[in-house]
PDB file of N, CA and C in Angstrom:
ATOM      1  N   MET A   1       2.731 146.851  71.476  1.00  0.00           N
ATOM      2  CA  MET A   1       3.891 145.752  72.215  1.00  0.00           C
ATOM      3  C   MET A   1       4.948 145.913  71.963  1.00  0.00           C
ATOM      4  N   ALA A   2       6.387 145.600  72.599  1.00  0.00           N
ATOM      5  CA  ALA A   2       7.677 145.584  73.038  1.00  0.00           C
ATOM      6  C   ALA A   2       7.408 144.979  71.422  1.00  0.00           C
ATOM      7  N   LYS A   3       9.565 144.780  70.964  1.00  0.00           N
ATOM      8  CA  LYS A   3       9.132 143.780  69.554  1.00  0.00           C
ATOM      9  C   LYS A   3      10.350 142.908  70.546  1.00  0.00           C
ATOM     10  N   GLU A   4      10.491 141.555  70.590  1.00  0.00           N
ATOM     11  CA  GLU A   4      11.123 140.252  71.499  1.00  0.00           C
ATOM     12  C   GLU A   4      12.351 140.796  70.990  1.00  0.00           C
ATOM     13  N   THR A   5      13.082 140.661  72.091  1.00  0.00           N
ATOM     14  CA  THR A   5      14.633 140.753  71.982  1.00  0.00           C
ATOM     15  C   THR A   5      15.010 138.961  71.699  1.00  0.00           C
ATOM     16  N   ILE A   6      15.948 139.270  70.891  1.00  0.00           N
ATOM     17  CA  ILE A   6      16.836 138.050  70.625  1.00  0.00           C
ATOM     18  C   ILE A   6      16.583 136.896  71.838  1.00  0.00           C
ATOM     19  N   GLY A   7      17.910 137.376  73.033  1.00  0.00           N
ATOM     20  CA  GLY A   7      17.132 136.776  74.459  1.00  0.00           C
ATOM     21  C   GLY A   7      16.244 136.914  74.827  1.00  0.00           C
ATOM     22  N   ALA A   8      15.383 137.008  74.650  1.00  0.00           N
ATOM     23  CA  ALA A   8      13.867 136.379  74.836  1.00  0.00           C
ATOM     24  C   ALA A   8      13.061 135.377  73.825  1.00  0.00           C
ATOM     25  N   ARG A   9      13.854 135.073  72.665  1.00  0.00           N
ATOM     26  CA  ARG A   9      13.438 134.508  71.364  1.00  0.00           C
ATOM     27  C   ARG A   9      14.100 133.330  71.780  1.00  0.00           C
ATOM     28  N   ILE A  10      15.191 133.024  72.335  1.00  0.00           N
ATOM     29  CA  ILE A  10      16.421 132.254  72.963  1.00  0.00           C
ATOM     30  C   ILE A  10      15.334 131.569  73.578  1.00  0.00           C
ATOM     31  N   GLN A  11      14.973 132.442  74.849  1.00  0.00           N
ATOM     32  CA  GLN A  11      14.440 132.326  75.740  1.00  0.00           C
ATOM     33  C   GLN A  11      12.829 130.706  75.693  1.00  0.00           C
ATOM     34  N   ARG A  12      12.457 131.644  74.977  1.00  0.00           N
ATOM     35  CA  ARG A  12      10.761 131.212  75.039  1.00  0.00           C
ATOM     36  C   ARG A  12      10.961 130.122  73.855  1.00  0.00           C
ATOM     37  N   ILE A  13      11.921 130.351  73.293  1.00  0.00           N
ATOM     38  CA  ILE A  13      12.026 128.510  72.106  1.00  0.00           C
ATOM     39  C   ILE A  13      12.146 127.225  72.915  1.00  0.00           C
ATOM     40  N   ARG A  14      13.193 127.914  74.023  1.00  0.00           N
ATOM     41  CA  ARG A  14      14.188 127.024  74.668  1.00  0.00           C
ATOM     42  C   ARG A  14      13.414 126.282  75.535  1.00  0.00           C
ATOM     43  N   GLU A  15      12.287 127.357  76.153  1.00  0.00           N
ATOM     44  CA  GLU A  15      11.379 126.421  77.104  1.00  0.00           C
ATOM     45  C   GLU A  15      10.298 125.471  76.313  1.00  0.00           C
ATOM     46  N   GLU A  16       9.914 126.835  74.523  1.00  0.00           N
ATOM     47  CA  GLU A  16       8.545 125.599  73.951  1.00  0.00           C
ATOM     48  C   GLU A  16       9.236 123.985  73.691  1.00  0.00           C
ATOM     49  N   ARG A  17      10.494 123.960  73.310  1.00  0.00           N
ATOM     50  CA  ARG A  17      10.807 122.761  73.482  1.00  0.00           C
ATOM     51  C   ARG A  17      11.202 121.605  74.564  1.00  0.00           C
ATOM     52  N   GLY A  18      11.341 122.332  75.825  1.00  0.00           N
ATOM     53  CA  GLY A  18      11.259 121.913  77.183  1.00  0.00           C
ATOM     54  C   GLY A  18      12.262 121.932  77.280  1.00  0.00           C
ATOM     55  N   MET A  19      12.899 121.962  76.653  1.00  0.00           N
ATOM     56  CA  MET A  19      15.266 122.202  76.771  1.00  0.00           C
ATOM     57  C   MET A  19      15.637 123.062  78.340  1.00  0.00           C
ATOM     58  N   SER A  20      15.816 122.610  79.269  1.00  0.00           N
ATOM     59  CA  SER A  20      17.218 123.646  79.853  1.00  0.00           C
ATOM     60  C   SER A  20      18.030 124.204  79.372  1.00  0.00           C
ATOM     61  N   ALA A  21      18.338 125.142  80.256  1.00  0.00           N
ATOM     62  CA  ALA A  21      18.883 126.210  80.167  1.00  0.00           C
ATOM     63  C   ALA A  21      20.547 126.064  80.130  1.00  0.00           C
ATOM     64  N   SER A  22      21.091 125.114  80.430  1.00  0.00           N
ATOM     65  CA  SER A  22      21.902 124.062  80.395  1.00  0.00           C
ATOM     66  C   SER A  22      22.008 122.858  79.651  1.00  0.00           C
ATOM     67  N   GLU A  23      21.431 122.300  79.318  1.00  0.00           N
ATOM     68  CA  GLU A  23      21.050 121.552  78.131  1.00  0.00           C
ATOM     69  C   GLU A  23      21.015 122.300  76.763  1.00  0.00           C
ATOM     70  N   LEU A  24      20.702 123.727  76.777  1.00  0.00           N
ATOM     71  CA  LEU A  24      21.332 124.373  74.813  1.00  0.00           C
ATOM     72  C   LEU A  24      22.381 124.553  75.466  1.00  0.00           C
ATOM     73  N   SER A  25      22.822 124.764  76.211  1.00  0.00           N
ATOM     74  CA  SER A  25      24.482 125.375  76.680  1.00  0.00           C
ATOM     75  C   SER A  25      25.908 124.255  76.131  1.00  0.00           C
ATOM     76  N   ARG A  26      25.060 123.127  76.691  1.00  0.00           N
ATOM     77  CA  ARG A  26      25.950 121.601  75.844  1.00  0.00           C
ATOM     78  C   ARG A  26      25.763 121.295  74.440  1.00  0.00           C
ATOM     79  N   LEU A  27      24.837 121.857  74.029  1.00  0.00           N
ATOM     80  CA  LEU A  27      24.335 121.088  72.752  1.00  0.00           C
ATOM     81  C   LEU A  27      24.735 122.075  71.873  1.00  0.00           C
ATOM     82  N   VAL A  28      24.653 123.256  71.927  1.00  0.00           N
ATOM     83  CA  VAL A  28      25.245 124.599  71.154  1.00  0.00           C
ATOM     84  C   VAL A  28      27.468 125.172  71.718  1.00  0.00           C
ATOM     85  N   GLU A  29      27.136 124.196  72.962  1.00  0.00           N
ATOM     86  CA  GLU A  29      29.056 123.964  72.923  1.00  0.00           C
ATOM     87  C   GLU A  29      29.471 125.473  73.650  1.00  0.00           C
ATOM     88  N   VAL A  30      28.314 126.264  74.466  1.00  0.00           N
ATOM     89  CA  VAL A  30      29.004 127.289  75.406  1.00  0.00           C
ATOM     90  C   VAL A  30      28.173 126.541  76.819  1.00  0.00           C
ATOM     91  N   THR A  31      29.416 127.740  77.572  1.00  0.00           N
ATOM     92  CA  THR A  31      28.906 127.833  78.446  1.00  0.00           C
ATOM     93  C   THR A  31      27.019 128.481  78.655  1.00  0.00           C
ATOM     94  N   PRO A  32      26.522 127.589  80.696  1.00  0.00           N
ATOM     95  CA  PRO A  32      25.433 127.833  81.025  1.00  0.00           C
ATOM     96  C   PRO A  32      25.700 129.603  81.046  1.00  0.00           C
ATOM     97  N   THR A  33      26.766 129.725  81.647  1.00  0.00           N
ATOM     98  CA  THR A  33      26.549 131.596  81.533  1.00  0.00           C
ATOM     99  C   THR A  33      26.154 132.347  80.632  1.00  0.00           C
ATOM    100  N   ALA A  34      26.903 131.800  78.763  1.00  0.00           N
ATOM    101  CA  ALA A  34      26.394 132.755  78.269  1.00  0.00           C
ATOM    102  C   ALA A  34      25.108 132.644  77.824  1.00  0.00           C
ATOM    103  N   VAL A  35      24.600 131.065  77.722  1.00  0.00           N
ATOM    104  CA  VAL A  35      23.482 130.893  77.963  1.00  0.00           C
ATOM    105  C   VAL A  35      22.150 132.350  78.871  1.00  0.00           C
ATOM    106  N   TRP A  36      22.932 131.930  80.137  1.00  0.00           N
ATOM    107  CA  TRP A  36      22.073 133.466  80.607  1.00  0.00           C
ATOM    108  C   TRP A  36      22.120 135.031  80.570  1.00  0.00           C
ATOM    109  N   ASN A  37      23.714 134.747  79.545  1.00  0.00           N
ATOM    110  CA  ASN A  37      23.446 136.183  79.888  1.00  0.00           C
ATOM    111  C   ASN A  37      23.306 136.679  78.224  1.00  0.00           C
ATOM    112  N   TRP A  38      22.418 135.751  77.568  1.00  0.00           N
ATOM    113  CA  TRP A  38      21.893 135.859  76.472  1.00  0.00           C
ATOM    114  C   TRP A  38      20.176 136.286  76.751  1.00  0.00           C
ATOM    115  N   GLU A  39      20.031 135.251  76.945  1.00  0.00           N
ATOM    116  CA  GLU A  39      18.434 135.646  77.742  1.00  0.00           C
ATOM    117  C   GLU A  39      18.285 136.959  78.385  1.00  0.00           C
ATOM    118  N   ASN A  40      18.751 136.778  79.826  1.00  0.00           N
ATOM    119  CA  ASN A  40      18.750 138.432  79.736  1.00  0.00           C
ATOM    120  C   ASN A  40      19.965 139.922  79.684  1.00  0.00           C
ATOM    121  N   ASN A  41      19.911 139.537  78.091  1.00  0.00           N
ATOM    122  CA  ASN A  41      19.919 141.203  77.499  1.00  0.00           C
ATOM    123  C   ASN A  41      21.595 141.065  77.656  1.00  0.00           C
ATOM    124  N   GLY A  42      22.663 140.067  78.297  1.00  0.00           N
ATOM    125  CA  GLY A  42      23.672 141.582  78.764  1.00  0.00           C
ATOM    126  C   GLY A  42      24.662 140.546  76.895  1.00  0.00           C
ATOM    127  N   THR A  43      24.497 140.007  76.610  1.00  0.00           N
ATOM    128  CA  THR A  43      25.579 140.231  75.601  1.00  0.00           C
ATOM    129  C   THR A  43      24.448 138.649  74.441  1.00  0.00           C
ATOM    130  N   ARG A  44      24.701 139.358  72.970  1.00  0.00           N
ATOM    131  CA  ARG A  44      24.463 138.626  72.085  1.00  0.00           C
ATOM    132  C   ARG A  44      25.048 137.399  70.925  1.00  0.00           C
ATOM    133  N   PRO A  45      24.245 136.567  71.496  1.00  0.00           N
ATOM    134  CA  PRO A  45      25.362 135.586  70.259  1.00  0.00           C
ATOM    135  C   PRO A  45      26.404 135.098  69.319  1.00  0.00           C
ATOM    136  N   ARG A  46      27.638 135.088  69.160  1.00  0.00           N
ATOM    137  CA  ARG A  46      28.036 135.232  68.418  1.00  0.00           C
ATOM    138  C   ARG A  46      28.037 134.622  67.024  1.00  0.00           C
ATOM    139  N   PRO A  47      28.401 134.481  65.787  1.00  0.00           N
ATOM    140  CA  PRO A  47      27.771 134.778  64.477  1.00  0.00           C
ATOM    141  C   PRO A  47      27.308 133.155  64.744  1.00  0.00           C
ATOM    142  N   ASP A  48      28.812 132.294  64.702  1.00  0.00           N
ATOM    143  CA  ASP A  48      28.861 130.996  64.811  1.00  0.00           C
ATOM    144  C   ASP A  48      27.762 130.438  66.059  1.00  0.00           C
ATOM    145  N   ALA A  49      27.848 131.322  67.227  1.00  0.00           N
ATOM    146  CA  ALA A  49      27.023 130.184  67.957  1.00  0.00           C
ATOM    147  C   ALA A  49      25.191 131.170  67.578  1.00  0.00           C
ATOM    148  N   LEU A  50      24.997 131.689  66.649  1.00  0.00           N
ATOM    149  CA  LEU A  50      23.410 131.696  66.653  1.00  0.00           C
ATOM    150  C   LEU A  50      23.081 130.692  65.916  1.00  0.00           C
ATOM    151  N   LEU A  51      24.365 129.916  65.019  1.00  0.00           N
ATOM    152  CA  LEU A  51      24.556 128.804  63.600  1.00  0.00           C
ATOM    153  C   LEU A  51      23.689 127.836  64.286  1.00  0.00           C
ATOM    154  N   ARG A  52      24.277 127.989  65.477  1.00  0.00           N
ATOM    155  CA  ARG A  52      24.432 125.902  66.607  1.00  0.00           C
ATOM    156  C   ARG A  52      23.110 126.162  66.713  1.00  0.00           C
ATOM    157  N   ILE A  53      22.604 127.417  67.398  1.00  0.00           N
ATOM    158  CA  ILE A  53      21.588 127.528  67.896  1.00  0.00           C
ATOM    159  C   ILE A  53      20.305 127.331  67.696  1.00  0.00           C
ATOM    160  N   ALA A  54      19.943 128.013  66.146  1.00  0.00           N
ATOM    161  CA  ALA A  54      18.729 127.886  65.467  1.00  0.00           C
ATOM    162  C   ALA A  54      19.394 126.605  65.636  1.00  0.00           C
ATOM    163  N   LYS A  55      20.444 125.563  64.309  1.00  0.00           N
ATOM    164  CA  LYS A  55      20.625 124.195  64.271  1.00  0.00           C
ATOM    165  C   LYS A  55      19.863 123.581  64.862  1.00  0.00           C
ATOM    166  N   VAL A  56      19.948 123.554  66.531  1.00  0.00           N
ATOM    167  CA  VAL A  56      19.500 123.322  67.940  1.00  0.00           C
ATOM    168  C   VAL A  56      17.338 123.154  67.913  1.00  0.00           C
ATOM    169  N   PHE A  57      17.559 124.063  68.009  1.00  0.00           N
ATOM    170  CA  PHE A  57      15.915 124.564  67.502  1.00  0.00           C
ATOM    171  C   PHE A  57      15.223 123.911  66.077  1.00  0.00           C
ATOM    172  N   GLY A  58      15.937 124.117  64.991  1.00  0.00           N
ATOM    173  CA  GLY A  58      15.166 123.284  64.027  1.00  0.00           C
ATOM    174  C   GLY A  58      15.380 124.469  63.154  1.00  0.00           C
ATOM    175  N   ILE A  59      15.299 126.150  63.191  1.00  0.00           N
ATOM    176  CA  ILE A  59      14.645 126.465  62.219  1.00  0.00           C
ATOM    177  C   ILE A  59      16.103 127.419  61.784  1.00  0.00           C
ATOM    178  N   SER A  60      15.707 128.630  60.630  1.00  0.00           N
ATOM    179  CA  SER A  60      16.602 129.551  60.182  1.00  0.00           C
ATOM    180  C   SER A  60      18.036 130.157  61.272  1.00  0.00           C
ATOM    181  N   ARG A  61      19.053 130.617  60.757  1.00  0.00           N
ATOM    182  CA  ARG A  61      19.504 131.304  61.516  1.00  0.00           C
ATOM    183  C   ARG A  61      18.947 132.984  61.209  1.00  0.00           C
ATOM    184  N   ASP A  62      17.746 132.762  60.495  1.00  0.00           N
ATOM    185  CA  ASP A  62      17.281 134.435  60.197  1.00  0.00           C
ATOM    186  C   ASP A  62      16.095 134.709  60.935  1.00  0.00           C
ATOM    187  N   THR A  63      15.742 133.168  61.281  1.00  0.00           N
ATOM    188  CA  THR A  63      14.130 133.622  61.899  1.00  0.00           C
ATOM    189  C   THR A  63      14.943 133.180  63.420  1.00  0.00           C
ATOM    190  N   LEU A  64      15.756 132.530  63.662  1.00  0.00           N
ATOM    191  CA  LEU A  64      16.459 132.517  65.176  1.00  0.00           C
ATOM    192  C   LEU A  64      16.660 134.299  65.120  1.00  0.00           C
ATOM    193  N   VAL A  65      16.932 135.485  64.241  1.00  0.00           N
ATOM    194  CA  VAL A  65      17.036 136.961  64.596  1.00  0.00           C
ATOM    195  C   VAL A  65      15.621 137.135  65.341  1.00  0.00           C
ATOM    196  N   SER A  66      15.286 137.005  63.792  1.00  0.00           N
ATOM    197  CA  SER A  66      14.624 138.730  63.421  1.00  0.00           C
ATOM    198  C   SER A  66      13.158 137.659  63.922  1.00  0.00           C
ATOM    199  N   GLY A  67      12.516 136.368  64.072  1.00  0.00           N
ATOM    200  CA  GLY A  67      11.871 136.641  64.707  1.00  0.00           C
ATOM    201  C   GLY A  67      10.777 136.476  64.210  1.00  0.00           C
ATOM    202  N   SER A  68      10.787 135.766  62.920  1.00  0.00           N
ATOM    203  CA  SER A  68       9.792 135.556  61.656  1.00  0.00           C
ATOM    204  C   SER A  68       9.695 134.160  62.290  1.00  0.00           C
ATOM    205  N   ASN A  69       7.964 133.707  61.882  1.00  0.00           N
ATOM    206  CA  ASN A  69       7.494 132.934  62.336  1.00  0.00           C
ATOM    207  C   ASN A  69       7.820 131.928  60.519  1.00  0.00           C
ATOM    208  N   SER A  70       8.217 132.096  59.049  1.00  0.00           N
ATOM    209  CA  SER A  70       8.082 132.060  58.408  1.00  0.00           C
ATOM    210  C   SER A  70       8.849 130.304  57.948  1.00  0.00           C
ATOM    211  N   ASP A  71       9.892 129.897  58.408  1.00  0.00           N
ATOM    212  CA  ASP A  71       9.866 128.598  58.400  1.00  0.00           C
ATOM    213  C   ASP A  71       9.939 127.717  59.370  1.00  0.00           C
ATOM    214  N   ARG A  72       8.597 127.885  60.261  1.00  0.00           N
ATOM    215  CA  ARG A  72       9.038 127.194  61.722  1.00  0.00           C
ATOM    216  C   ARG A  72       8.153 125.342  61.186  1.00  0.00           C
ATOM    217  N   GLN A  73       8.088 125.305  59.565  1.00  0.00           N
ATOM    218  CA  GLN A  73       6.788 124.335  59.499  1.00  0.00           C
ATOM    219  C   GLN A  73       8.383 123.361  59.441  1.00  0.00           C
ATOM    220  N   ASP A  74       7.176 122.129  59.560  1.00  0.00           N
ATOM    221  CA  ASP A  74       8.435 120.602  59.713  1.00  0.00           C
ATOM    222  C   ASP A  74       8.641 120.366  57.914  1.00  0.00           C
ATOM    223  N   SER A  75       8.650 120.942  56.857  1.00  0.00           N
ATOM    224  CA  SER A  75       8.177 120.830  55.419  1.00  0.00           C
ATOM    225  C   SER A  75      10.102 121.410  55.655  1.00  0.00           C
ATOM    226  N   ALA A  76      10.869 122.572  56.787  1.00  0.00           N
ATOM    227  CA  ALA A  76      11.554 123.719  56.723  1.00  0.00           C
ATOM    228  C   ALA A  76      12.900 122.703  57.667  1.00  0.00           C
ATOM    229  N   ARG A  77      12.744 121.482  58.092  1.00  0.00           N
ATOM    230  CA  ARG A  77      13.580 121.019  59.232  1.00  0.00           C
ATOM    231  C   ARG A  77      14.128 119.874  58.481  1.00  0.00           C
ATOM    232  N   THR A  78      14.899 119.966  59.008  1.00  0.00           N
ATOM    233  CA  THR A  78      15.874 118.438  58.473  1.00  0.00           C
ATOM    234  C   THR A  78      15.780 116.792  59.462  1.00  0.00           C
ATOM    235  N   ILE A  79      16.198 116.022  58.903  1.00  0.00           N
ATOM    236  CA  ILE A  79      15.727 114.918  59.623  1.00  0.00           C
ATOM    237  C   ILE A  79      17.367 114.626  60.625  1.00  0.00           C
ATOM    238  N   ALA A  80      17.474 115.053  60.393  1.00  0.00           N
ATOM    239  CA  ALA A  80      19.205 115.235  61.530  1.00  0.00           C
ATOM    240  C   ALA A  80      18.230 116.292  62.832  1.00  0.00           C
ATOM    241  N   GLU A  81      17.177 117.419  62.615  1.00  0.00           N
ATOM    242  CA  GLU A  81      16.707 118.661  63.823  1.00  0.00           C
ATOM    243  C   GLU A  81      15.334 117.420  64.436  1.00  0.00           C
ATOM    244  N   VAL A  82      15.435 117.221  63.026  1.00  0.00           N
ATOM    245  CA  VAL A  82      14.021 116.016  63.856  1.00  0.00           C
ATOM    246  C   VAL A  82      14.461 115.300  64.896  1.00  0.00           C
ATOM    247  N   THR A  83      14.800 114.281  64.532  1.00  0.00           N
ATOM    248  CA  THR A  83      15.728 112.964  64.989  1.00  0.00           C
ATOM    249  C   THR A  83      16.724 113.589  66.600  1.00  0.00           C
ATOM    250  N   GLU A  84      17.375 114.686  66.465  1.00  0.00           N
ATOM    251  CA  GLU A  84      17.892 115.289  67.836  1.00  0.00           C
ATOM    252  C   GLU A  84      16.991 115.573  68.966  1.00  0.00           C
ATOM    253  N   GLN A  85      15.934 116.595  68.333  1.00  0.00           N
ATOM    254  CA  GLN A  85      14.619 116.552  68.994  1.00  0.00           C
ATOM    255  C   GLN A  85      13.734 115.441  69.687  1.00  0.00           C
ATOM    256  N   ALA A  86      13.423 114.975  68.673  1.00  0.00           N
ATOM    257  CA  ALA A  86      13.182 113.078  69.388  1.00  0.00           C
ATOM    258  C   ALA A  86      14.600 112.887  70.535  1.00  0.00           C
ATOM    259  N   ARG A  87      15.101 112.658  69.841  1.00  0.00           N
ATOM    260  CA  ARG A  87      15.879 111.834  71.203  1.00  0.00           C
ATOM    261  C   ARG A  87      16.399 113.251  72.862  1.00  0.00           C
ATOM    262  N   ILE A  88      15.956 114.492  72.557  1.00  0.00           N
ATOM    263  CA  ILE A  88      15.981 115.079  73.411  1.00  0.00           C
ATOM    264  C   ILE A  88      14.675 114.834  74.153  1.00  0.00           C
ATOM    265  N   GLN A  89      13.755 114.474  73.516  1.00  0.00           N
ATOM    266  CA  GLN A  89      12.023 114.121  74.462  1.00  0.00           C
ATOM    267  C   GLN A  89      12.079 113.540  74.904  1.00  0.00           C
ATOM    268  N   ILE A  90      12.373 112.943  74.397  1.00  0.00           N
ATOM    269  CA  ILE A  90      12.664 111.015  74.731  1.00  0.00           C
ATOM    270  C   ILE A  90      13.688 111.234  76.219  1.00  0.00           C
ATOM    271  N   ALA A  91      14.807 111.870  75.681  1.00  0.00           N
ATOM    272  CA  ALA A  91      15.311 111.607  77.480  1.00  0.00           C
ATOM    273  C   ALA A  91      14.675 112.120  78.353  1.00  0.00           C
ATOM    274  N   LYS A  92      14.032 113.962  78.247  1.00  0.00           N
ATOM    275  CA  LYS A  92      13.329 114.460  78.841  1.00  0.00           C
ATOM    276  C   LYS A  92      12.117 112.957  79.538  1.00  0.00           C
ATOM    277  N   LEU A  93      11.194 112.853  78.754  1.00  0.00           N
ATOM    278  CA  LEU A  93      10.573 111.548  79.486  1.00  0.00           C
ATOM    279  C   LEU A  93      11.075 110.458  80.469  1.00  0.00           C
ATOM    280  N   MET A  94      12.441 109.511  80.276  1.00  0.00           N
ATOM    281  CA  MET A  94      12.896 108.926  80.477  1.00  0.00           C
ATOM    282  C   MET A  94      13.558 109.297  82.070  1.00  0.00           C
ATOM    283  N   GLY A  95      13.239 110.544  82.392  1.00  0.00           N
ATOM    284  CA  GLY A  95      14.685 111.268  82.718  1.00  0.00           C
ATOM    285  C   GLY A  95      16.334 111.116  83.088  1.00  0.00           C
ATOM    286  N   LEU A  96      16.390 111.005  81.957  1.00  0.00           N
ATOM    287  CA  LEU A  96      18.165 110.413  81.195  1.00  0.00           C
ATOM    288  C   LEU A  96      18.305 111.586  80.853  1.00  0.00           C
ATOM    289  N   SER A  97      20.070 111.631  80.630  1.00  0.00           N
ATOM    290  CA  SER A  97      20.502 112.859  80.108  1.00  0.00           C
ATOM    291  C   SER A  97      20.528 111.950  78.698  1.00  0.00           C
ATOM    292  N   PRO A  98      19.743 113.845  77.606  1.00  0.00           N
ATOM    293  CA  PRO A  98      20.411 112.979  75.867  1.00  0.00           C
ATOM    294  C   PRO A  98      21.155 112.304  75.203  1.00  0.00           C
ATOM    295  N   GLU A  99      22.884 112.308  75.950  1.00  0.00           N
ATOM    296  CA  GLU A  99      23.868 111.426  75.855  1.00  0.00           C
ATOM    297  C   GLU A  99      23.929 110.352  75.228  1.00  0.00           C
ATOM    298  N   ARG A 100      22.481 109.428  76.525  1.00  0.00           N
ATOM    299  CA  ARG A 100      22.241 108.652  77.526  1.00  0.00           C
ATOM    300  C   ARG A 100      21.340 107.830  75.780  1.00  0.00           C
ATOM    301  N   VAL A 101      20.512 108.468  75.230  1.00  0.00           N
ATOM    302  CA  VAL A 101      19.989 108.906  74.327  1.00  0.00           C
ATOM    303  C   VAL A 101      20.177 107.872  73.114  1.00  0.00           C
ATOM    304  N   LYS A 102      19.890 106.297  71.881  1.00  0.00           N
ATOM    305  CA  LYS A 102      20.765 106.966  71.117  1.00  0.00           C
ATOM    306  C   LYS A 102      19.515 106.130  70.413  1.00  0.00           C
ATOM    307  N   LEU A 103      19.115 107.042  69.029  1.00  0.00           N
ATOM    308  CA  LEU A 103      18.026 107.320  67.723  1.00  0.00           C
ATOM    309  C   LEU A 103      18.687 105.993  66.613  1.00  0.00           C
ATOM    310  N   HIS A 104      18.102 104.571  66.168  1.00  0.00           N
ATOM    311  CA  HIS A 104      18.522 104.077  64.985  1.00  0.00           C
ATOM    312  C   HIS A 104      16.645 104.463  64.504  1.00  0.00           C
ATOM    313  N   VAL A 105      17.270 104.796  62.447  1.00  0.00           N
ATOM    314  CA  VAL A 105      16.709 105.137  61.760  1.00  0.00           C
ATOM    315  C   VAL A 105      16.979 104.747  61.330  1.00  0.00           C
ATOM    316  N   GLU A 106      15.645 103.853  60.523  1.00  0.00           N
ATOM    317  CA  GLU A 106      15.645 103.103  59.300  1.00  0.00           C
ATOM    318  C   GLU A 106      14.340 103.292  58.065  1.00  0.00           C
ATOM    319  N   PHE A 107      14.795 103.672  56.585  1.00  0.00           N
ATOM    320  CA  PHE A 107      14.143 103.561  55.885  1.00  0.00           C
ATOM    321  C   PHE A 107      14.114 102.668  54.932  1.00  0.00           C
ATOM    322  N   GLU A 108      12.892 102.833  54.045  1.00  0.00           N
ATOM    323  CA  GLU A 108      12.884 101.455  53.547  1.00  0.00           C
ATOM    324  C   GLU A 108      11.862 102.058  51.965  1.00  0.00           C
ATOM    325  N   THR A 109      12.568 101.393  51.350  1.00  0.00           N
ATOM    326  CA  THR A 109      11.554 102.054  49.484  1.00  0.00           C
ATOM    327  C   THR A 109      11.138 101.388  49.303  1.00  0.00           C
ATOM    328  N   GLU A 110      10.289 101.141  47.885  1.00  0.00           N
ATOM    329  CA  GLU A 110       9.712 100.030  47.845  1.00  0.00           C
ATOM    330  C   GLU A 110       9.827  99.340  46.430  1.00  0.00           C
TER     331      GLU A 110
END
């Protein structure tokens, strides 16, 4: 079996997250054409973009690059990553753009 390319990995994870290429481009602060080029193996994301993509996906840069599943567990995710993914999913369910969804999280200690 052929090894998954980084472009195919970006596309697969993006689709698993229920995210459009346009949403990913906005969150990573690149053009939709850049995302298309990555996913179709025309180009490889620059190091700073790799970090932003990994953050949006809630995985490490190394996992994004290598395809290793070692840190795909929730314990490796930050609160910011979890809430960002929740915001994106809620927006999708409501038919809104993610910018129109605001989440407020409160922690209570005993």
